[in-house]
N, C-alpha and C. Protein backbone atom coordinates (compact mmCIF):
# COMPACT_ATOMS: atom_id res chain seq x y z
N MET A 1 18.44 -9.39 0.84
CA MET A 1 17.07 -9.12 1.08
C MET A 1 17.07 -7.81 1.47
N PRO A 2 15.56 -7.48 0.98
CA PRO A 2 15.41 -5.81 0.88
C PRO A 2 15.60 -5.47 2.88
N GLU A 3 16.08 -4.09 2.71
CA GLU A 3 16.27 -3.42 4.34
C GLU A 3 15.00 -2.56 4.65
N ILE A 4 14.25 -2.37 5.22
CA ILE A 4 13.65 -1.56 5.63
C ILE A 4 13.87 -1.06 7.13
N ALA A 5 14.65 0.77 6.96
CA ALA A 5 14.85 1.42 7.83
C ALA A 5 13.81 2.27 8.68
N PHE A 6 14.15 2.29 9.89
CA PHE A 6 13.36 3.25 10.78
C PHE A 6 14.17 4.17 11.32
N ALA A 7 13.92 5.55 11.01
CA ALA A 7 14.54 6.81 11.13
C ALA A 7 13.30 7.53 11.79
N GLY A 8 14.37 8.60 12.86
CA GLY A 8 13.17 9.51 13.12
C GLY A 8 13.87 10.20 14.60
N ARG A 9 13.19 10.98 14.99
CA ARG A 9 14.02 11.93 15.95
C ARG A 9 14.14 11.04 17.51
N SER A 10 14.87 11.22 18.09
CA SER A 10 14.89 10.37 19.21
C SER A 10 13.70 10.60 20.00
N ASN A 11 13.53 9.29 20.46
CA ASN A 11 11.95 9.19 21.46
C ASN A 11 10.94 9.78 20.72
N ALA A 12 11.06 9.33 19.21
CA ALA A 12 9.76 9.71 18.51
C ALA A 12 8.95 7.92 18.59
N GLY A 13 9.82 6.99 19.25
CA GLY A 13 8.97 5.87 19.03
C GLY A 13 9.38 4.85 18.27
N LYS A 14 10.97 4.99 17.66
CA LYS A 14 10.95 3.82 16.60
C LYS A 14 11.12 2.50 17.07
N SER A 15 11.82 2.03 18.16
CA SER A 15 12.18 0.88 18.89
C SER A 15 10.92 0.08 19.16
N SER A 16 9.76 1.18 19.61
CA SER A 16 8.66 0.78 20.13
C SER A 16 7.48 0.14 18.71
N ALA A 17 7.85 1.07 17.88
CA ALA A 17 7.09 0.68 16.70
C ALA A 17 7.52 -0.41 16.07
N ILE A 18 8.82 -0.96 15.85
CA ILE A 18 9.46 -2.04 15.60
C ILE A 18 8.62 -3.40 16.50
N ASN A 19 9.01 -3.27 17.53
CA ASN A 19 8.68 -4.16 18.87
C ASN A 19 7.35 -4.62 18.43
N THR A 20 6.56 -3.51 18.67
CA THR A 20 4.78 -3.65 17.91
C THR A 20 4.72 -4.25 16.94
N LEU A 21 5.48 -3.84 15.57
CA LEU A 21 5.23 -4.78 14.45
C LEU A 21 5.59 -5.93 14.11
N THR A 22 6.84 -6.33 15.04
CA THR A 22 7.07 -7.73 15.09
C THR A 22 6.20 -8.37 15.96
N GLY A 23 5.46 -7.85 16.89
CA GLY A 23 4.99 -9.00 17.93
C GLY A 23 6.19 -9.26 19.17
N ARG A 24 7.12 -8.71 19.26
CA ARG A 24 8.08 -8.67 20.09
C ARG A 24 8.59 -7.99 20.94
N HIS A 25 8.64 -8.47 22.22
CA HIS A 25 8.25 -6.87 23.31
C HIS A 25 9.79 -6.37 23.68
N ARG A 26 10.85 -7.12 23.20
CA ARG A 26 12.32 -6.79 23.97
C ARG A 26 13.34 -6.45 22.64
N LEU A 27 12.56 -6.79 21.82
CA LEU A 27 13.57 -7.07 20.38
C LEU A 27 14.54 -5.80 20.29
N ALA A 28 13.78 -4.54 20.03
CA ALA A 28 14.65 -3.51 19.75
C ALA A 28 14.52 -2.48 20.98
N PHE A 29 15.71 -2.46 21.84
CA PHE A 29 15.57 -1.82 23.22
C PHE A 29 14.68 -0.55 23.41
N VAL A 30 13.90 -0.07 24.04
CA VAL A 30 13.11 0.65 24.32
C VAL A 30 13.70 1.33 25.51
N SER A 31 13.81 2.77 25.39
CA SER A 31 13.76 3.83 26.56
C SER A 31 13.70 5.18 26.53
N LYS A 32 13.24 5.22 27.89
CA LYS A 32 12.74 6.68 28.12
C LYS A 32 13.87 7.57 27.73
N THR A 33 15.24 7.46 27.84
CA THR A 33 16.62 8.35 27.63
C THR A 33 16.47 8.30 26.34
N PRO A 34 16.60 9.57 25.87
CA PRO A 34 16.73 9.80 24.59
C PRO A 34 18.37 9.52 24.13
N GLY A 35 18.56 9.22 22.87
CA GLY A 35 19.97 8.83 22.29
C GLY A 35 20.42 7.37 22.98
N ARG A 36 19.36 6.80 23.41
CA ARG A 36 19.83 5.39 23.44
C ARG A 36 20.46 4.28 22.39
N THR A 37 20.10 4.39 21.29
CA THR A 37 20.19 3.85 20.28
C THR A 37 21.54 4.69 19.08
N GLN A 38 22.40 3.86 19.51
CA GLN A 38 23.78 4.38 18.94
C GLN A 38 24.40 3.97 17.61
N LEU A 39 24.06 2.83 17.22
CA LEU A 39 24.40 2.14 15.98
C LEU A 39 23.32 1.41 15.10
N ILE A 40 23.52 1.28 14.19
CA ILE A 40 22.55 0.70 13.01
C ILE A 40 22.16 -0.73 13.75
N ASN A 41 21.39 -1.10 13.95
CA ASN A 41 20.54 -2.52 14.36
C ASN A 41 19.72 -3.06 13.38
N PHE A 42 20.16 -4.18 12.89
CA PHE A 42 19.50 -5.16 12.24
C PHE A 42 18.77 -6.34 13.08
N PHE A 43 17.19 -6.38 12.62
CA PHE A 43 16.52 -7.49 13.01
C PHE A 43 16.08 -8.21 11.47
N SER A 44 16.18 -9.60 11.66
CA SER A 44 15.71 -10.54 10.45
C SER A 44 14.41 -10.83 10.55
N LEU A 45 13.93 -10.86 9.44
CA LEU A 45 12.12 -11.17 9.41
C LEU A 45 12.35 -12.30 8.88
N GLY A 46 13.03 -13.47 9.13
CA GLY A 46 13.41 -14.73 8.34
C GLY A 46 14.11 -14.68 6.83
N ASP A 47 13.50 -14.78 5.90
CA ASP A 47 13.93 -14.77 4.72
C ASP A 47 13.23 -13.74 3.57
N VAL A 48 12.66 -12.92 4.65
CA VAL A 48 11.68 -11.72 4.08
C VAL A 48 12.42 -10.76 3.78
N ALA A 49 13.18 -10.08 5.11
CA ALA A 49 13.42 -8.81 4.89
C ALA A 49 13.97 -8.57 5.99
N TYR A 50 14.76 -7.41 6.32
CA TYR A 50 15.57 -6.89 7.36
C TYR A 50 14.82 -5.74 7.90
N LEU A 51 14.64 -5.56 9.31
CA LEU A 51 14.06 -4.00 9.79
C LEU A 51 15.20 -3.33 10.25
N VAL A 52 15.47 -2.24 10.28
CA VAL A 52 16.77 -1.72 10.66
C VAL A 52 16.26 -0.46 11.54
N ASP A 53 16.89 -0.25 12.45
CA ASP A 53 16.68 0.45 13.35
C ASP A 53 18.08 1.58 13.87
N LEU A 54 17.67 2.78 13.31
CA LEU A 54 18.71 3.72 12.97
C LEU A 54 18.49 4.55 14.36
N PRO A 55 20.04 5.05 14.54
CA PRO A 55 19.99 6.30 15.98
C PRO A 55 19.15 7.26 15.72
N GLY A 56 18.30 7.79 16.65
CA GLY A 56 17.53 8.73 16.62
C GLY A 56 18.52 10.06 16.39
N TYR A 57 17.56 11.21 15.58
CA TYR A 57 18.21 12.25 15.57
C TYR A 57 17.72 13.62 16.22
N GLY A 58 18.63 14.81 16.46
CA GLY A 58 17.64 15.85 17.18
C GLY A 58 17.95 15.70 18.62
N PHE A 59 18.69 14.78 19.28
CA PHE A 59 18.79 14.86 20.57
C PHE A 59 20.04 15.71 21.11
N ALA A 60 19.46 17.15 21.59
CA ALA A 60 20.92 17.74 22.22
C ALA A 60 21.61 17.36 23.19
N GLY A 61 21.47 16.11 23.94
CA GLY A 61 22.07 15.80 25.26
C GLY A 61 23.71 15.02 25.18
N VAL A 62 23.61 14.76 23.62
CA VAL A 62 25.05 14.27 23.51
C VAL A 62 25.87 15.34 22.86
N PRO A 63 27.71 15.05 22.93
CA PRO A 63 28.14 15.89 22.33
C PRO A 63 27.94 16.17 20.84
N ALA A 64 28.58 17.23 20.24
CA ALA A 64 28.42 17.71 19.11
C ALA A 64 29.09 16.57 18.23
N ALA A 65 30.21 16.15 18.86
CA ALA A 65 31.26 15.42 17.80
C ALA A 65 30.25 13.86 17.68
N VAL A 66 29.63 13.49 18.95
CA VAL A 66 28.34 12.28 18.57
C VAL A 66 27.16 12.27 17.76
N ARG A 67 26.55 13.51 17.87
CA ARG A 67 25.58 14.26 16.75
C ARG A 67 26.33 13.87 15.44
N ALA A 68 27.19 14.49 14.92
CA ALA A 68 27.78 14.82 13.93
C ALA A 68 28.24 13.11 12.96
N HIS A 69 28.57 12.47 13.95
CA HIS A 69 28.94 10.98 13.76
C HIS A 69 27.66 10.10 13.24
N TRP A 70 26.30 10.51 14.06
CA TRP A 70 25.48 9.71 14.00
C TRP A 70 24.84 10.34 12.49
N ASP A 71 24.78 11.65 12.04
CA ASP A 71 24.48 12.07 10.84
C ASP A 71 25.25 11.68 9.75
N SER A 72 26.46 11.58 9.93
CA SER A 72 27.68 10.76 8.90
C SER A 72 26.76 9.39 8.61
N LEU A 73 26.65 8.63 9.99
CA LEU A 73 26.36 7.09 9.69
C LEU A 73 25.01 7.12 8.99
N VAL A 74 24.04 7.64 9.61
CA VAL A 74 22.69 7.74 9.19
C VAL A 74 22.65 8.08 7.98
N GLY A 75 23.19 9.49 7.47
CA GLY A 75 23.01 10.00 5.88
C GLY A 75 23.75 8.95 4.90
N GLY A 76 25.19 8.23 5.45
CA GLY A 76 25.56 7.63 4.49
C GLY A 76 25.01 6.24 4.15
N TYR A 77 23.97 5.60 5.39
CA TYR A 77 23.44 4.67 5.18
C TYR A 77 22.32 4.68 4.38
N VAL A 78 21.73 5.61 4.39
CA VAL A 78 20.37 6.30 3.40
C VAL A 78 20.60 6.41 1.95
N ALA A 79 22.02 7.03 1.76
CA ALA A 79 22.32 7.51 0.49
C ALA A 79 22.95 6.32 -0.33
N GLU A 80 23.74 5.43 0.14
CA GLU A 80 24.52 4.47 -0.41
C GLU A 80 24.05 2.95 0.02
N ARG A 81 23.04 2.47 0.89
CA ARG A 81 22.76 1.16 1.09
C ARG A 81 22.03 0.97 -0.34
N PRO A 82 22.60 -0.37 -1.23
CA PRO A 82 22.14 -0.60 -2.31
C PRO A 82 20.66 -1.69 -1.90
N SER A 83 20.92 -2.37 -0.28
CA SER A 83 19.67 -3.10 -0.33
C SER A 83 18.28 -2.47 0.52
N LEU A 84 18.61 -0.76 0.74
CA LEU A 84 17.56 -0.16 1.42
C LEU A 84 16.41 -0.18 0.70
N ALA A 85 15.58 -0.87 1.14
CA ALA A 85 14.11 -0.67 -0.16
C ALA A 85 13.12 0.39 0.24
N GLY A 86 13.45 1.28 1.58
CA GLY A 86 12.37 2.37 2.19
C GLY A 86 13.01 2.51 3.73
N VAL A 87 12.38 3.90 4.11
CA VAL A 87 12.24 4.34 4.92
C VAL A 87 11.10 4.51 5.69
N VAL A 88 10.89 4.15 7.18
CA VAL A 88 9.91 4.29 7.53
C VAL A 88 10.32 5.69 8.55
N ILE A 89 9.89 6.99 8.51
CA ILE A 89 10.05 7.94 9.30
C ILE A 89 9.00 7.85 10.56
N VAL A 90 9.57 7.96 11.27
CA VAL A 90 8.81 7.74 12.81
C VAL A 90 8.73 9.25 13.36
N MET A 91 7.78 9.50 13.58
CA MET A 91 7.65 11.00 14.14
C MET A 91 6.53 10.85 15.22
N ASP A 92 6.70 11.47 16.44
CA ASP A 92 5.53 12.03 17.53
C ASP A 92 4.46 12.78 16.73
N ALA A 93 3.27 12.11 16.80
CA ALA A 93 2.30 12.88 16.23
C ALA A 93 1.53 13.98 17.01
N ARG A 94 2.15 14.34 17.88
CA ARG A 94 2.56 15.85 18.50
C ARG A 94 3.27 16.91 18.18
N HIS A 95 4.21 16.66 17.35
CA HIS A 95 5.49 17.20 16.96
C HIS A 95 5.80 16.69 15.50
N PRO A 96 4.66 16.57 14.47
CA PRO A 96 5.20 16.16 13.16
C PRO A 96 6.34 17.26 12.41
N LEU A 97 6.91 16.68 11.62
CA LEU A 97 7.35 17.74 10.37
C LEU A 97 8.44 18.59 11.01
N THR A 98 9.40 18.40 11.60
CA THR A 98 10.24 19.20 12.09
C THR A 98 11.33 19.46 11.03
N PRO A 99 12.20 20.55 11.60
CA PRO A 99 13.09 21.12 10.84
C PRO A 99 14.03 19.60 10.52
N LEU A 100 14.37 18.88 11.36
CA LEU A 100 15.21 17.67 11.29
C LEU A 100 14.60 16.59 10.33
N ASP A 101 13.20 16.53 10.75
CA ASP A 101 12.63 15.51 9.86
C ASP A 101 12.37 15.73 8.08
N GLU A 102 12.55 17.33 8.19
CA GLU A 102 12.33 17.45 6.75
C GLU A 102 13.69 17.41 5.92
N ARG A 103 14.72 17.35 6.91
CA ARG A 103 15.87 17.33 6.40
C ARG A 103 16.07 15.94 6.08
N LEU A 104 16.10 15.02 6.94
CA LEU A 104 15.89 13.57 6.37
C LEU A 104 15.33 13.23 5.12
N ILE A 105 13.93 14.09 4.95
CA ILE A 105 13.10 13.42 4.08
C ILE A 105 13.91 14.20 2.54
N ASP A 106 14.63 15.56 2.75
CA ASP A 106 15.30 15.79 1.46
C ASP A 106 16.02 14.80 1.14
N TRP A 107 17.21 14.20 2.35
CA TRP A 107 18.13 13.02 1.97
C TRP A 107 17.33 11.72 1.27
N LEU A 108 16.46 11.85 1.70
CA LEU A 108 15.64 10.72 0.96
C LEU A 108 15.21 10.74 -0.80
N ARG A 109 14.45 11.89 -0.58
CA ARG A 109 14.48 12.51 -1.85
C ARG A 109 15.38 12.57 -3.17
N GLN A 110 16.28 13.34 -2.67
CA GLN A 110 17.86 13.14 -3.29
C GLN A 110 18.29 11.75 -3.49
N SER A 111 18.36 10.83 -2.52
CA SER A 111 18.36 9.81 -2.78
C SER A 111 17.95 8.75 -3.72
N ARG A 112 16.56 9.19 -3.81
CA ARG A 112 15.58 8.61 -4.55
C ARG A 112 14.98 7.21 -3.70
N ARG A 113 14.82 7.36 -2.34
CA ARG A 113 14.29 6.49 -1.75
C ARG A 113 12.76 6.57 -1.26
N ALA A 114 12.27 5.78 -1.22
CA ALA A 114 10.68 5.81 -0.67
C ALA A 114 10.94 5.87 0.81
N ALA A 115 9.37 6.04 0.91
CA ALA A 115 9.35 6.44 2.26
C ALA A 115 7.90 6.72 2.91
N HIS A 116 7.90 6.24 3.81
CA HIS A 116 6.58 5.99 4.69
C HIS A 116 6.32 6.69 6.09
N ILE A 117 5.46 7.61 6.15
CA ILE A 117 5.79 8.34 7.55
C ILE A 117 4.76 7.74 9.03
N LEU A 118 5.37 7.05 9.74
CA LEU A 118 4.34 6.76 11.38
C LEU A 118 4.40 7.89 12.27
N LEU A 119 3.16 8.08 12.08
CA LEU A 119 2.99 9.15 13.51
C LEU A 119 2.31 8.63 14.43
N THR A 120 3.61 8.50 15.11
CA THR A 120 3.09 7.50 16.60
C THR A 120 2.77 8.27 17.91
N LYS A 121 2.40 7.73 18.84
CA LYS A 121 1.62 7.96 19.93
C LYS A 121 0.56 8.90 19.49
N ALA A 122 -0.07 8.51 18.33
CA ALA A 122 -1.45 9.39 18.25
C ALA A 122 -2.52 9.15 19.28
N ASP A 123 -2.27 7.93 20.11
CA ASP A 123 -3.16 8.02 21.45
C ASP A 123 -3.45 8.80 22.14
N LYS A 124 -2.18 9.97 22.00
CA LYS A 124 -2.05 10.84 22.89
C LYS A 124 -2.61 12.15 22.54
N LEU A 125 -3.09 12.09 21.55
CA LEU A 125 -4.07 13.21 20.83
C LEU A 125 -5.63 12.80 20.99
N SER A 126 -6.54 13.57 21.02
CA SER A 126 -7.81 13.20 20.53
C SER A 126 -8.11 13.11 19.37
N ARG A 127 -8.73 12.12 19.18
CA ARG A 127 -9.55 11.62 17.47
C ARG A 127 -9.46 12.62 16.76
N GLN A 128 -9.96 13.88 16.70
CA GLN A 128 -9.93 15.22 16.35
C GLN A 128 -9.02 15.76 15.68
N ALA A 129 -7.92 15.92 16.88
CA ALA A 129 -6.67 16.07 16.69
C ALA A 129 -5.67 15.55 16.04
N ALA A 130 -5.89 14.10 16.53
CA ALA A 130 -4.97 12.98 15.37
C ALA A 130 -5.43 13.19 13.77
N LEU A 131 -6.56 13.27 13.36
CA LEU A 131 -7.22 13.46 12.37
C LEU A 131 -6.78 14.56 11.40
N ALA A 132 -6.71 15.69 12.39
CA ALA A 132 -6.33 17.32 12.25
C ALA A 132 -4.74 16.93 11.31
N THR A 133 -4.09 16.25 12.36
CA THR A 133 -2.38 16.04 12.52
C THR A 133 -1.91 15.56 11.04
N LEU A 134 -3.06 14.16 10.68
CA LEU A 134 -2.96 13.51 9.84
C LEU A 134 -3.05 14.20 8.59
N ALA A 135 -4.31 14.56 8.33
CA ALA A 135 -4.48 15.70 7.12
C ALA A 135 -3.52 16.77 6.70
N ARG A 136 -2.80 17.44 7.79
CA ARG A 136 -1.93 18.10 7.60
C ARG A 136 -0.81 17.51 6.97
N VAL A 137 -0.43 16.71 7.91
CA VAL A 137 0.81 15.97 7.31
C VAL A 137 1.22 15.25 5.73
N ARG A 138 -0.36 14.64 5.37
CA ARG A 138 -0.55 14.13 4.32
C ARG A 138 -0.67 15.40 3.10
N ALA A 139 -0.97 16.62 3.30
CA ALA A 139 -0.92 17.43 2.66
C ALA A 139 0.55 17.87 2.22
N ARG A 140 1.31 18.27 3.30
CA ARG A 140 2.84 18.41 3.01
C ARG A 140 3.37 17.29 2.57
N ALA A 141 3.07 15.99 2.81
CA ALA A 141 4.15 14.94 2.33
C ALA A 141 4.56 14.94 1.03
N ASP A 142 3.34 15.19 0.06
CA ASP A 142 3.51 14.59 -1.28
C ASP A 142 4.61 15.93 -1.45
N GLY A 143 4.26 16.82 -1.58
CA GLY A 143 5.40 18.18 -1.92
C GLY A 143 6.73 18.06 -1.59
N LEU A 144 6.94 17.20 -0.25
CA LEU A 144 8.15 16.97 0.09
C LEU A 144 8.93 15.81 -0.68
N LEU A 145 8.16 14.70 -0.51
CA LEU A 145 8.54 13.33 -1.15
C LEU A 145 7.01 12.50 -2.43
N PRO A 146 7.17 12.95 -3.37
CA PRO A 146 6.25 12.74 -4.17
C PRO A 146 6.03 10.85 -3.72
N GLY A 147 4.79 10.65 -3.48
CA GLY A 147 4.61 8.93 -3.40
C GLY A 147 4.54 8.52 -1.82
N MET A 148 5.11 9.49 -0.75
CA MET A 148 5.38 9.28 0.70
C MET A 148 4.09 9.07 1.06
N THR A 149 3.61 8.03 1.76
CA THR A 149 2.50 7.92 2.23
C THR A 149 2.50 7.92 4.14
N VAL A 150 1.61 8.06 4.72
CA VAL A 150 1.31 8.63 6.28
C VAL A 150 0.51 8.41 6.80
N GLN A 151 0.32 7.93 8.05
CA GLN A 151 -0.56 7.13 8.98
C GLN A 151 -0.49 7.37 10.21
N LEU A 152 -1.47 7.28 10.78
CA LEU A 152 -1.63 7.38 12.73
C LEU A 152 -0.90 6.51 13.13
N PHE A 153 -0.11 6.03 14.33
CA PHE A 153 -0.06 4.85 14.85
C PHE A 153 -0.12 4.80 16.24
N SER A 154 -0.22 3.65 17.15
CA SER A 154 -0.02 3.81 18.32
C SER A 154 0.61 2.22 18.70
N SER A 155 1.78 2.50 19.36
CA SER A 155 2.22 1.21 19.70
C SER A 155 1.34 0.79 21.19
N LEU A 156 1.16 1.52 22.16
CA LEU A 156 0.06 1.11 23.15
C LEU A 156 -0.91 0.60 23.43
N LYS A 157 -1.56 1.20 21.78
CA LYS A 157 -3.15 0.77 21.83
C LYS A 157 -2.91 -0.21 20.35
N ARG A 158 -1.90 -0.32 19.83
CA ARG A 158 -1.83 -1.14 18.67
C ARG A 158 -2.55 -0.76 17.47
N ASP A 159 -2.89 0.40 17.78
CA ASP A 159 -3.94 1.23 16.28
C ASP A 159 -3.00 1.55 15.26
N GLY A 160 -3.43 1.00 14.02
CA GLY A 160 -2.45 1.20 12.81
C GLY A 160 -1.48 0.28 12.60
N VAL A 161 -1.32 -0.87 13.24
CA VAL A 161 -0.24 -1.96 13.00
C VAL A 161 -0.48 -2.65 11.47
N ALA A 162 -1.95 -3.11 11.41
CA ALA A 162 -2.26 -3.52 9.91
C ALA A 162 -2.03 -2.76 8.53
N GLU A 163 -2.42 -1.43 8.97
CA GLU A 163 -1.86 -0.34 7.75
C GLU A 163 -0.10 -0.11 7.90
N ALA A 164 0.45 -0.36 8.84
CA ALA A 164 1.99 -0.34 8.84
C ALA A 164 2.47 -1.33 8.01
N ILE A 165 1.95 -2.46 8.66
CA ILE A 165 2.85 -3.94 8.14
C ILE A 165 2.21 -4.12 6.47
N GLU A 166 1.27 -3.30 6.05
CA GLU A 166 1.16 -3.29 4.44
C GLU A 166 2.07 -2.25 3.89
N ALA A 167 2.22 -1.55 4.64
CA ALA A 167 3.08 -0.01 4.30
C ALA A 167 4.61 -0.72 3.90
N LEU A 168 4.80 -1.70 5.07
CA LEU A 168 6.25 -2.13 4.97
C LEU A 168 6.81 -3.52 3.77
N SER A 169 5.32 -4.12 3.53
CA SER A 169 5.07 -4.61 2.31
C SER A 169 5.05 -4.05 1.01
N ARG A 170 4.45 -3.12 0.80
CA ARG A 170 4.49 -2.29 -0.08
C ARG A 170 6.17 -1.88 -0.48
N LEU A 171 6.56 -1.18 0.43
CA LEU A 171 8.08 -0.98 0.58
C LEU A 171 9.27 -2.09 -0.45
N ALA A 172 9.08 -3.05 0.52
CA ALA A 172 9.63 -4.20 -0.08
C ALA A 172 9.52 -5.26 -1.05
N ARG A 173 8.22 -4.95 -1.74
CA ARG A 173 7.59 -5.22 -2.85
C ARG A 173 8.27 -4.30 -4.05
N ASP A 174 8.02 -3.51 -3.97
CA ASP A 174 8.54 -2.11 -5.03
C ASP A 174 9.80 -2.18 -4.97
N ALA A 175 10.48 -2.21 -4.07
CA ALA A 175 12.17 -2.62 -4.06
C ALA A 175 12.35 -3.78 -4.76
N GLY A 176 11.86 -4.85 -4.76
CA GLY A 176 11.94 -6.07 -5.57
C GLY A 176 11.53 -6.01 -6.76
N ALA A 177 10.53 -5.34 -7.20
CA ALA A 177 10.12 -5.06 -8.56
C ALA A 177 11.07 -4.00 -9.30
N LYS A 178 11.72 -3.16 -8.47
CA LYS A 178 12.43 -2.05 -9.34
C LYS A 178 13.72 -2.86 -9.65
N ASN A 179 14.29 -3.86 -8.71
CA ASN A 179 15.78 -4.30 -8.74
C ASN A 179 15.42 -5.11 -10.03
N LYS A 180 14.19 -5.91 -10.30
CA LYS A 180 14.58 -6.80 -11.33
C LYS A 180 13.87 -5.79 -12.57
N SER A 181 13.64 -5.06 -12.61
CA SER A 181 13.29 -4.31 -14.03
C SER A 181 14.85 -3.96 -14.75
N PRO A 182 14.36 -3.96 -15.79
CA PRO A 182 15.84 -3.96 -16.87
C PRO A 182 16.47 -2.89 -16.71
N GLY A 183 17.25 -1.61 -17.14
CA GLY A 183 17.95 -0.81 -16.97
C GLY A 183 18.49 -0.46 -15.89
């Protein structure tokens, strides 16, 4: 089954997004403490796909050896996992496209992985600021990884859920079509 991984900086809202998109309140553990997710966690969507919660990156409050292990774990998963259909890059809408986000996108480009950006916590911005951020990230995204899509999302207000579910479906569908094509 295809796997759709959620990756992003610590406390960007990966677990909250997974919970909101699956309609489950405590499927993925949500914490205000950055760096809580330390392993790759798989959540089954029946016989359709797996959602994968990856450890966050960029949290300075852990030892360098732990950060290096997370980089190796996530980098290896992204580069080598044959069932990985795509990656949802979760970014706090107030702080998008950090150098670490761009590093992840570069890994995805080199690994020829599809991606979708969720600009989470969009409810914390005014509507005008959120739309300006969306436009700015969309303009930059295609230059970083052609075909990468971007959207606003709020777990709190449930904004962007239908669009995100469609993006996940598209990632899984496109991966299935790619796996069935000859060559």
